[in-house]
C-alpha atoms as a PDB file:
ATOM      1  CA  MET A   1     -35.061  32.078  36.790  1.00  0.00           C
ATOM      2  CA  VAL A   2     -36.978  28.860  36.047  1.00  0.00           C
ATOM      3  CA  ALA A   3     -33.893  26.664  35.715  1.00  0.00           C
ATOM      4  CA  SER A   4     -32.568  27.432  39.199  1.00  0.00           C
ATOM      5  CA  PHE A   5     -35.953  26.775  40.787  1.00  0.00           C
ATOM      6  CA  VAL A   6     -36.407  23.485  38.921  1.00  0.00           C
ATOM      7  CA  ALA A   7     -32.857  22.434  39.801  1.00  0.00           C
ATOM      8  CA  SER A   8     -33.457  23.117  43.487  1.00  0.00           C
ATOM      9  CA  LEU A   9     -36.490  20.798  43.405  1.00  0.00           C
ATOM     10  CA  THR A  10     -35.029  17.965  41.340  1.00  0.00           C
ATOM     11  CA  THR A  11     -31.354  17.776  42.341  1.00  0.00           C
ATOM     12  CA  ASP A  12     -32.128  15.948  45.580  1.00  0.00           C
ATOM     13  CA  ILE A  13     -34.129  13.356  43.620  1.00  0.00           C
ATOM     14  CA  SER A  14     -31.469  12.793  40.960  1.00  0.00           C
ATOM     15  CA  PRO A  15     -28.801  15.114  39.531  1.00  0.00           C
ATOM     16  CA  TRP A  16     -29.515  13.609  36.114  1.00  0.00           C
ATOM     17  CA  ILE A  17     -32.923  15.299  35.986  1.00  0.00           C
ATOM     18  CA  PRO A  18     -31.677  18.935  35.810  1.00  0.00           C
ATOM     19  CA  CYS A  19     -28.819  17.775  33.551  1.00  0.00           C
ATOM     20  CA  ALA A  20     -31.252  16.162  31.115  1.00  0.00           C
ATOM     21  CA  LEU A  21     -33.531  19.208  31.201  1.00  0.00           C
ATOM     22  CA  SER A  22     -30.640  21.528  30.425  1.00  0.00           C
ATOM     23  CA  MET A  23     -29.533  19.359  27.514  1.00  0.00           C
ATOM     24  CA  ALA A  24     -33.090  19.266  26.181  1.00  0.00           C
ATOM     25  CA  SER A  25     -33.292  23.061  26.431  1.00  0.00           C
ATOM     26  CA  ALA A  26     -30.027  23.439  24.529  1.00  0.00           C
ATOM     27  CA  ILE A  27     -31.221  21.082  21.769  1.00  0.00           C
ATOM     28  CA  LEU A  28     -34.499  22.999  21.551  1.00  0.00           C
ATOM     29  CA  CYS A  29     -32.597  26.279  21.163  1.00  0.00           C
ATOM     30  CA  LEU A  30     -30.514  24.781  18.359  1.00  0.00           C
ATOM     31  CA  ALA A  31     -33.689  23.639  16.626  1.00  0.00           C
ATOM     32  CA  LEU A  32     -35.176  27.133  16.921  1.00  0.00           C
ATOM     33  CA  LEU A  33     -31.994  28.666  15.491  1.00  0.00           C
ATOM     34  CA  ALA A  34     -32.177  26.305  12.536  1.00  0.00           C
ATOM     35  CA  ILE A  35     -35.673  27.439  11.554  1.00  0.00           C
ATOM     36  CA  MET A  36     -35.127  31.158  12.177  1.00  0.00           C
ATOM     37  CA  PRO A  37     -35.358  33.256   8.987  1.00  0.00           C
ATOM     38  CA  THR A  38     -32.192  34.924   7.755  1.00  0.00           C
ATOM     39  CA  SER A  39     -31.965  38.701   7.838  1.00  0.00           C
ATOM     40  CA  LYS A  40     -32.563  40.442   4.546  1.00  0.00           C
ATOM     41  CA  ILE A  41     -29.905  42.641   3.020  1.00  0.00           C
ATOM     42  CA  PRO A  42     -31.310  45.937   1.665  1.00  0.00           C
ATOM     43  CA  ASP A  43     -31.285  46.189  -2.129  1.00  0.00           C
ATOM     44  CA  GLU A  44     -29.294  49.417  -2.016  1.00  0.00           C
ATOM     45  CA  ASP A  45     -26.512  47.653  -0.113  1.00  0.00           C
ATOM     46  CA  LEU A  46     -26.355  44.940  -2.774  1.00  0.00           C
ATOM     47  CA  ALA A  47     -26.130  47.545  -5.513  1.00  0.00           C
ATOM     48  CA  LEU A  48     -23.164  49.373  -3.975  1.00  0.00           C
ATOM     49  CA  PRO A  49     -19.812  48.461  -5.530  1.00  0.00           C
ATOM     50  CA  ARG A  50     -17.303  47.132  -3.030  1.00  0.00           C
ATOM     51  CA  SER A  51     -13.578  47.348  -3.519  1.00  0.00           C
ATOM     52  CA  PRO A  52     -11.579  44.673  -1.671  1.00  0.00           C
ATOM     53  CA  GLN A  53      -9.058  45.926   0.866  1.00  0.00           C
ATOM     54  CA  PRO A  54      -5.721  44.253   1.547  1.00  0.00           C
ATOM     55  CA  GLU A  55      -5.721  42.113   4.695  1.00  0.00           C
ATOM     56  CA  SER A  56      -2.747  43.996   6.119  1.00  0.00           C
ATOM     57  CA  THR A  57      -4.626  47.284   5.764  1.00  0.00           C
ATOM     58  CA  ILE A  58      -7.637  45.886   7.611  1.00  0.00           C
ATOM     59  CA  LYS A  59      -5.475  44.627  10.495  1.00  0.00           C
ATOM     60  CA  THR A  60      -3.608  47.931  10.734  1.00  0.00           C
ATOM     61  CA  THR A  61      -6.856  49.908  10.756  1.00  0.00           C
ATOM     62  CA  ALA A  62      -8.372  47.675  13.465  1.00  0.00           C
ATOM     63  CA  LEU A  63      -5.292  47.985  15.686  1.00  0.00           C
ATOM     64  CA  ALA A  64      -5.148  51.741  15.156  1.00  0.00           C
ATOM     65  CA  ARG A  65      -8.803  52.088  16.166  1.00  0.00           C
ATOM     66  CA  LEU A  66      -8.230  49.891  19.200  1.00  0.00           C
ATOM     67  CA  PHE A  67      -5.254  51.923  20.438  1.00  0.00           C
ATOM     68  CA  GLU A  68      -7.042  55.183  19.702  1.00  0.00           C
ATOM     69  CA  THR A  69     -10.069  54.134  21.737  1.00  0.00           C
ATOM     70  CA  PHE A  70      -8.114  52.879  24.737  1.00  0.00           C
ATOM     71  CA  SER A  71      -5.991  56.031  24.764  1.00  0.00           C
ATOM     72  CA  ASN A  72      -9.118  57.897  25.840  1.00  0.00           C
ATOM     73  CA  ARG A  73      -9.019  58.739  29.554  1.00  0.00           C
ATOM     74  CA  ASN A  74     -12.616  57.731  30.168  1.00  0.00           C
ATOM     75  CA  THR A  75     -12.190  54.423  28.344  1.00  0.00           C
ATOM     76  CA  ILE A  76      -9.250  53.518  30.578  1.00  0.00           C
ATOM     77  CA  PHE A  77     -11.364  54.131  33.675  1.00  0.00           C
ATOM     78  CA  THR A  78     -14.082  51.784  32.354  1.00  0.00           C
ATOM     79  CA  ILE A  79     -11.642  48.841  32.090  1.00  0.00           C
ATOM     80  CA  PRO A  80     -11.840  47.979  35.848  1.00  0.00           C
ATOM     81  CA  ILE A  81     -15.637  47.946  35.552  1.00  0.00           C
ATOM     82  CA  PHE A  82     -15.515  45.279  32.850  1.00  0.00           C
ATOM     83  CA  LEU A  83     -12.881  43.304  34.750  1.00  0.00           C
ATOM     84  CA  VAL A  84     -14.788  43.128  38.039  1.00  0.00           C
ATOM     85  CA  GLY A  85     -18.050  42.518  36.183  1.00  0.00           C
ATOM     86  CA  ILE A  86     -16.976  38.923  35.632  1.00  0.00           C
ATOM     87  CA  LEU A  87     -17.171  38.355  39.396  1.00  0.00           C
ATOM     88  CA  ARG A  88     -20.971  38.559  39.386  1.00  0.00           C
ATOM     89  CA  TYR A  89     -21.811  34.916  38.723  1.00  0.00           C
ATOM     90  CA  ALA A  90     -18.576  33.662  40.263  1.00  0.00           C
ATOM     91  CA  THR A  91     -19.769  35.276  43.510  1.00  0.00           C
ATOM     92  CA  LEU A  92     -23.151  33.547  43.288  1.00  0.00           C
ATOM     93  CA  SER A  93     -21.467  30.197  42.681  1.00  0.00           C
ATOM     94  CA  MET A  94     -19.234  30.806  45.663  1.00  0.00           C
ATOM     95  CA  LEU A  95     -22.261  31.782  47.755  1.00  0.00           C
ATOM     96  CA  ILE A  96     -23.802  28.342  47.267  1.00  0.00           C
ATOM     97  CA  GLN A  97     -20.669  26.661  48.616  1.00  0.00           C
ATOM     98  CA  TYR A  98     -20.297  29.204  51.418  1.00  0.00           C
ATOM     99  CA  ALA A  99     -23.913  28.857  52.584  1.00  0.00           C
ATOM    100  CA  HIS A 100     -23.559  25.069  52.595  1.00  0.00           C
ATOM    101  CA  VAL A 101     -20.370  25.136  54.685  1.00  0.00           C
ATOM    102  CA  ARG A 102     -21.270  27.865  57.165  1.00  0.00           C
ATOM    103  CA  PHE A 103     -25.055  27.607  57.489  1.00  0.00           C
ATOM    104  CA  GLN A 104     -25.540  23.954  56.417  1.00  0.00           C
ATOM    105  CA  LEU A 105     -27.835  25.141  53.624  1.00  0.00           C
ATOM    106  CA  LYS A 106     -28.529  22.505  50.985  1.00  0.00           C
ATOM    107  CA  ILE A 107     -26.740  23.102  47.702  1.00  0.00           C
ATOM    108  CA  SER A 108     -30.025  22.563  45.879  1.00  0.00           C
ATOM    109  CA  THR A 109     -31.625  25.243  48.062  1.00  0.00           C
ATOM    110  CA  GLY A 110     -28.715  27.583  47.443  1.00  0.00           C
ATOM    111  CA  ALA A 111     -29.477  27.420  43.723  1.00  0.00           C
ATOM    112  CA  THR A 112     -32.551  29.565  44.412  1.00  0.00           C
ATOM    113  CA  PHE A 113     -30.189  32.536  44.801  1.00  0.00           C
ATOM    114  CA  TYR A 114     -29.974  32.486  41.007  1.00  0.00           C
ATOM    115  CA  THR A 115     -33.764  32.623  40.859  1.00  0.00           C
ATOM    116  CA  GLU A 116     -33.809  35.600  43.217  1.00  0.00           C
ATOM    117  CA  THR A 117     -31.175  37.331  41.078  1.00  0.00           C
ATOM    118  CA  ALA A 118     -33.238  36.748  37.935  1.00  0.00           C
ATOM    119  CA  ILE A 119     -36.399  38.126  39.547  1.00  0.00           C
ATOM    120  CA  VAL A 120     -34.593  41.259  40.735  1.00  0.00           C
ATOM    121  CA  ASN A 121     -33.056  41.835  37.302  1.00  0.00           C
ATOM    122  CA  ILE A 122     -36.343  41.314  35.459  1.00  0.00           C
ATOM    123  CA  PHE A 123     -38.094  43.828  37.701  1.00  0.00           C
ATOM    124  CA  LEU A 124     -35.313  46.412  37.485  1.00  0.00           C
ATOM    125  CA  PHE A 125     -34.295  46.229  33.848  1.00  0.00           C
ATOM    126  CA  LEU A 126     -37.605  45.325  32.248  1.00  0.00           C
ATOM    127  CA  PHE A 127     -39.918  47.596  34.218  1.00  0.00           C
ATOM    128  CA  LEU A 128     -38.372  50.066  36.674  1.00  0.00           C
ATOM    129  CA  ILE A 129     -35.195  51.442  35.067  1.00  0.00           C
ATOM    130  CA  PRO A 130     -36.599  51.936  31.519  1.00  0.00           C
ATOM    131  CA  GLN A 131     -39.597  53.837  32.888  1.00  0.00           C
ATOM    132  CA  VAL A 132     -37.533  55.982  35.254  1.00  0.00           C
ATOM    133  CA  THR A 133     -34.857  56.839  32.672  1.00  0.00           C
ATOM    134  CA  ALA A 134     -37.474  57.697  30.038  1.00  0.00           C
ATOM    135  CA  TYR A 135     -39.229  59.992  32.516  1.00  0.00           C
ATOM    136  CA  ILE A 136     -35.995  61.703  33.568  1.00  0.00           C
ATOM    137  CA  ARG A 137     -34.876  62.257  29.962  1.00  0.00           C
ATOM    138  CA  GLU A 138     -38.238  63.701  28.970  1.00  0.00           C
ATOM    139  CA  ARG A 139     -38.798  65.782  32.092  1.00  0.00           C
ATOM    140  CA  TYR A 140     -35.307  67.133  32.815  1.00  0.00           C
ATOM    141  CA  LYS A 141     -33.688  66.844  29.340  1.00  0.00           C
ATOM    142  CA  ILE A 142     -30.669  64.968  30.681  1.00  0.00           C
ATOM    143  CA  ARG A 143     -28.248  63.494  28.147  1.00  0.00           C
ATOM    144  CA  PRO A 144     -28.275  59.674  27.855  1.00  0.00           C
ATOM    145  CA  GLN A 145     -24.552  59.393  28.648  1.00  0.00           C
ATOM    146  CA  VAL A 146     -25.080  61.173  31.963  1.00  0.00           C
ATOM    147  CA  ILE A 147     -27.774  58.643  32.881  1.00  0.00           C
ATOM    148  CA  ASP A 148     -25.562  55.735  31.803  1.00  0.00           C
ATOM    149  CA  LEU A 149     -22.688  57.050  33.911  1.00  0.00           C
ATOM    150  CA  PHE A 150     -24.974  57.310  36.934  1.00  0.00           C
ATOM    151  CA  LEU A 151     -26.185  53.732  36.359  1.00  0.00           C
ATOM    152  CA  VAL A 152     -22.596  52.474  36.124  1.00  0.00           C
ATOM    153  CA  ARG A 153     -21.599  54.173  39.369  1.00  0.00           C
ATOM    154  CA  MET A 154     -24.755  53.030  41.134  1.00  0.00           C
ATOM    155  CA  SER A 155     -24.392  49.439  39.888  1.00  0.00           C
ATOM    156  CA  VAL A 156     -20.809  48.899  41.061  1.00  0.00           C
ATOM    157  CA  SER A 157     -21.645  50.581  44.380  1.00  0.00           C
ATOM    158  CA  LEU A 158     -24.610  48.262  44.925  1.00  0.00           C
ATOM    159  CA  MET A 159     -22.492  45.201  44.163  1.00  0.00           C
ATOM    160  CA  CYS A 160     -19.862  46.453  46.581  1.00  0.00           C
ATOM    161  CA  ILE A 161     -22.460  46.879  49.342  1.00  0.00           C
ATOM    162  CA  GLY A 162     -24.229  43.632  48.446  1.00  0.00           C
ATOM    163  CA  ALA A 163     -21.051  41.523  48.579  1.00  0.00           C
ATOM    164  CA  LEU A 164     -20.188  43.081  51.927  1.00  0.00           C
ATOM    165  CA  ALA A 165     -23.713  42.405  53.233  1.00  0.00           C
ATOM    166  CA  ILE A 166     -23.449  38.753  52.183  1.00  0.00           C
ATOM    167  CA  GLY A 167     -20.136  38.406  53.992  1.00  0.00           C
ATOM    168  CA  LEU A 168     -21.417  40.065  57.158  1.00  0.00           C
ATOM    169  CA  ALA A 169     -24.678  38.066  57.286  1.00  0.00           C
ATOM    170  CA  SER A 170     -24.742  36.217  60.595  1.00  0.00           C
ATOM    171  CA  THR A 171     -27.619  33.885  59.660  1.00  0.00           C
ATOM    172  CA  SER A 172     -28.852  32.295  56.457  1.00  0.00           C
ATOM    173  CA  LYS A 173     -32.052  34.371  56.682  1.00  0.00           C
ATOM    174  CA  LEU A 174     -30.040  37.534  55.995  1.00  0.00           C
ATOM    175  CA  LEU A 175     -28.410  36.159  52.847  1.00  0.00           C
ATOM    176  CA  PRO A 176     -31.376  36.933  50.523  1.00  0.00           C
ATOM    177  CA  LEU A 177     -31.153  40.609  51.525  1.00  0.00           C
ATOM    178  CA  GLY A 178     -27.485  40.774  50.540  1.00  0.00           C
ATOM    179  CA  VAL A 179     -28.206  38.881  47.309  1.00  0.00           C
ATOM    180  CA  ALA A 180     -30.998  41.323  46.421  1.00  0.00           C
ATOM    181  CA  ILE A 181     -28.653  44.299  46.873  1.00  0.00           C
ATOM    182  CA  PHE A 182     -25.883  42.530  44.965  1.00  0.00           C
ATOM    183  CA  ALA A 183     -28.205  41.550  42.105  1.00  0.00           C
ATOM    184  CA  SER A 184     -29.423  45.132  41.750  1.00  0.00           C
ATOM    185  CA  GLY A 185     -26.024  46.057  40.331  1.00  0.00           C
ATOM    186  CA  PHE A 186     -25.921  43.422  37.598  1.00  0.00           C
ATOM    187  CA  GLY A 187     -26.581  46.060  34.943  1.00  0.00           C
ATOM    188  CA  SER A 188     -23.073  47.505  35.248  1.00  0.00           C
ATOM    189  CA  ARG A 189     -21.786  45.770  32.105  1.00  0.00           C
ATOM    190  CA  VAL A 190     -24.694  46.882  29.904  1.00  0.00           C
ATOM    191  CA  SER A 191     -24.497  50.458  31.166  1.00  0.00           C
ATOM    192  CA  ALA A 192     -20.716  50.506  30.690  1.00  0.00           C
ATOM    193  CA  LEU A 193     -21.057  49.239  27.112  1.00  0.00           C
ATOM    194  CA  SER A 194     -23.663  51.889  26.419  1.00  0.00           C
ATOM    195  CA  LEU A 195     -21.443  54.539  27.972  1.00  0.00           C
ATOM    196  CA  ILE A 196     -18.320  53.586  26.048  1.00  0.00           C
ATOM    197  CA  SER A 197     -20.256  53.647  22.769  1.00  0.00           C
ATOM    198  CA  TYR A 198     -20.425  57.463  23.016  1.00  0.00           C
ATOM    199  CA  TRP A 199     -16.634  57.735  22.740  1.00  0.00           C
ATOM    200  CA  ILE A 200     -16.009  55.482  19.767  1.00  0.00           C
ATOM    201  CA  PRO A 201     -17.034  55.825  16.100  1.00  0.00           C
ATOM    202  CA  ALA A 202     -19.674  53.431  14.840  1.00  0.00           C
ATOM    203  CA  SER A 203     -17.194  51.738  12.498  1.00  0.00           C
ATOM    204  CA  SER A 204     -14.982  50.768  15.459  1.00  0.00           C
ATOM    205  CA  LYS A 205     -17.662  49.305  17.711  1.00  0.00           C
ATOM    206  CA  ALA A 206     -17.279  45.703  16.527  1.00  0.00           C
ATOM    207  CA  THR A 207     -13.518  45.789  17.160  1.00  0.00           C
ATOM    208  CA  ILE A 208     -13.892  47.395  20.594  1.00  0.00           C
ATOM    209  CA  TYR A 209     -16.655  45.023  21.714  1.00  0.00           C
ATOM    210  CA  ALA A 210     -14.531  42.048  20.635  1.00  0.00           C
ATOM    211  CA  ALA A 211     -11.594  43.451  22.620  1.00  0.00           C
ATOM    212  CA  ILE A 212     -13.833  43.842  25.676  1.00  0.00           C
ATOM    213  CA  THR A 213     -14.951  40.209  25.325  1.00  0.00           C
ATOM    214  CA  VAL A 214     -11.314  39.081  25.246  1.00  0.00           C
ATOM    215  CA  LEU A 215     -10.600  41.257  28.288  1.00  0.00           C
ATOM    216  CA  GLU A 216     -13.485  39.689  30.187  1.00  0.00           C
ATOM    217  CA  SER A 217     -12.324  36.202  29.206  1.00  0.00           C
ATOM    218  CA  LEU A 218      -8.917  36.961  30.694  1.00  0.00           C
ATOM    219  CA  GLY A 219     -10.686  38.177  33.817  1.00  0.00           C
ATOM    220  CA  HIS A 220     -12.597  34.882  34.039  1.00  0.00           C
ATOM    221  CA  ALA A 221      -9.360  32.940  33.683  1.00  0.00           C
ATOM    222  CA  VAL A 222      -7.983  34.715  36.761  1.00  0.00           C
ATOM    223  CA  GLY A 223     -11.077  35.589  38.774  1.00  0.00           C
ATOM    224  CA  ASP A 224     -12.935  32.253  38.878  1.00  0.00           C
ATOM    225  CA  PRO A 225     -10.044  30.079  40.127  1.00  0.00           C
ATOM    226  CA  GLY A 226      -8.886  32.967  42.309  1.00  0.00           C
ATOM    227  CA  MET A 227     -12.210  32.928  44.166  1.00  0.00           C
ATOM    228  CA  GLN A 228     -11.872  29.191  44.779  1.00  0.00           C
ATOM    229  CA  HIS A 229      -8.329  29.565  46.099  1.00  0.00           C
ATOM    230  CA  ILE A 230      -9.411  32.353  48.470  1.00  0.00           C
ATOM    231  CA  PHE A 231     -12.253  30.214  49.802  1.00  0.00           C
ATOM    232  CA  ALA A 232      -9.916  27.245  50.207  1.00  0.00           C
ATOM    233  CA  ALA A 233      -7.542  29.446  52.226  1.00  0.00           C
ATOM    234  CA  ALA A 234     -10.463  30.731  54.341  1.00  0.00           C
ATOM    235  CA  LEU A 235     -11.410  27.162  55.276  1.00  0.00           C
ATOM    236  CA  LYS A 236      -8.134  26.877  57.188  1.00  0.00           C
ATOM    237  CA  PHE A 237      -9.104  29.589  59.677  1.00  0.00           C
ATOM    238  CA  GLU A 238     -10.707  28.480  62.927  1.00  0.00           C
ATOM    239  CA  ASN A 239     -13.053  31.455  63.160  1.00  0.00           C
ATOM    240  CA  VAL A 240     -16.078  30.878  60.895  1.00  0.00           C
ATOM    241  CA  PHE A 241     -16.272  34.633  60.295  1.00  0.00           C
ATOM    242  CA  TRP A 242     -13.352  34.366  57.868  1.00  0.00           C
ATOM    243  CA  LEU A 243     -15.220  31.898  55.696  1.00  0.00           C
ATOM    244  CA  ALA A 244     -16.723  35.023  54.141  1.00  0.00           C
ATOM    245  CA  LEU A 245     -13.277  36.231  53.023  1.00  0.00           C
ATOM    246  CA  PRO A 246     -14.077  35.814  49.281  1.00  0.00           C
ATOM    247  CA  PHE A 247     -16.999  38.237  49.616  1.00  0.00           C
ATOM    248  CA  PHE A 248     -14.839  40.792  51.394  1.00  0.00           C
ATOM    249  CA  VAL A 249     -12.311  40.543  48.555  1.00  0.00           C
ATOM    250  CA  VAL A 250     -15.081  40.930  45.970  1.00  0.00           C
ATOM    251  CA  SER A 251     -16.457  43.918  47.850  1.00  0.00           C
ATOM    252  CA  GLY A 252     -12.997  45.496  47.792  1.00  0.00           C
ATOM    253  CA  CYS A 253     -12.714  44.904  44.038  1.00  0.00           C
ATOM    254  CA  TYR A 254     -16.048  46.590  43.428  1.00  0.00           C
ATOM    255  CA  PHE A 255     -15.010  49.445  45.697  1.00  0.00           C
ATOM    256  CA  LEU A 256     -11.965  50.026  43.475  1.00  0.00           C
ATOM    257  CA  ALA A 257     -14.242  49.876  40.428  1.00  0.00           C
ATOM    258  CA  ALA A 258     -16.510  52.458  42.040  1.00  0.00           C
ATOM    259  CA  LEU A 259     -13.492  54.725  42.554  1.00  0.00           C
ATOM    260  CA  SER A 260     -12.563  54.222  38.914  1.00  0.00           C
ATOM    261  CA  ALA A 261     -16.114  55.042  37.801  1.00  0.00           C
ATOM    262  CA  SER A 262     -16.035  58.232  39.868  1.00  0.00           C
ATOM    263  CA  CYS A 263     -13.114  59.428  37.723  1.00  0.00           C
ATOM    264  CA  ILE A 264     -15.159  59.186  34.511  1.00  0.00           C
ATOM    265  CA  SER A 265     -16.447  62.509  33.247  1.00  0.00           C
ATOM    266  CA  VAL A 266     -18.906  63.176  30.438  1.00  0.00           C
ATOM    267  CA  GLU A 267     -19.174  66.921  30.895  1.00  0.00           C
ATOM    268  CA  ASN A 268     -16.730  67.844  28.136  1.00  0.00           C
ATOM    269  CA  GLU A 269     -16.930  64.664  26.076  1.00  0.00           C
ATOM    270  CA  GLU A 270     -18.211  64.882  22.544  1.00  0.00           C
ATOM    271  CA  GLY A 271     -20.105  61.792  21.448  1.00  0.00           C
ATOM    272  CA  LYS A 272     -18.672  59.831  18.530  1.00  0.00           C
ATOM    273  CA  GLY A 273     -21.065  56.919  18.519  1.00  0.00           C
ATOM    274  CA  ASP A 274     -22.957  58.182  15.493  1.00  0.00           C
ATOM    275  CA  ARG A 275     -19.893  59.208  13.539  1.00  0.00           C
ATOM    276  CA  GLU A 276     -18.906  57.208  10.482  1.00  0.00           C
ATOM    277  CA  ASP A 277     -15.329  57.039   9.262  1.00  0.00           C
END
């Protein structure tokens, strides 16, 4: 939130100022990590005897858990949600270029869209959503996985509507409205991770989360350059309306993710997140 605002003020003076500030922040974080205390291992864990397992057995077990998890119907329907989730920040980066080309908005000014996104997320996920979910769970006794599923569906729907609103904005003054709607759905990944944790045993979570990270990395490898190619193709059209083509494509992707999320059901699912193998 602060970085985008500072960058918008200092980039016009010299691009080296935000670059130097970011490097200083990274060095400061490394210094803080160096002085952080290490976590203590409970004495009972140290006292437990541990028998080494063959490496081949560990690999076989990890692969078996991975295939078992992704054979679950609900898990398969969450994959599109993780894939399109990588388009969040790629869309914001594209928005800065789009606003500069179509509305002659300064690139430094466009960086404030990141600040707006941060403000919306802080308000939603630090104040509003925790209070509302806690009230609903206490008042109506609704299971956490039902709430997480609702948040997933709502998040991808908001990003679908927000991307479409950005593309249909006829003036630069309407862009912040579309960004606010789009940013309201940024919690889709967290809610999806929370939701998928109900269907996997606790001992498999590390393997599954690593697989999801790899899946998202593959999505970045395709999605980020794909957005740039779509925008480059849109620049060839004479009608400025088609400059927003990347946002229409993103909106379509989130629409497909919303359809996928609508196929997820938690009515007859038995939670496994607390089970130990």
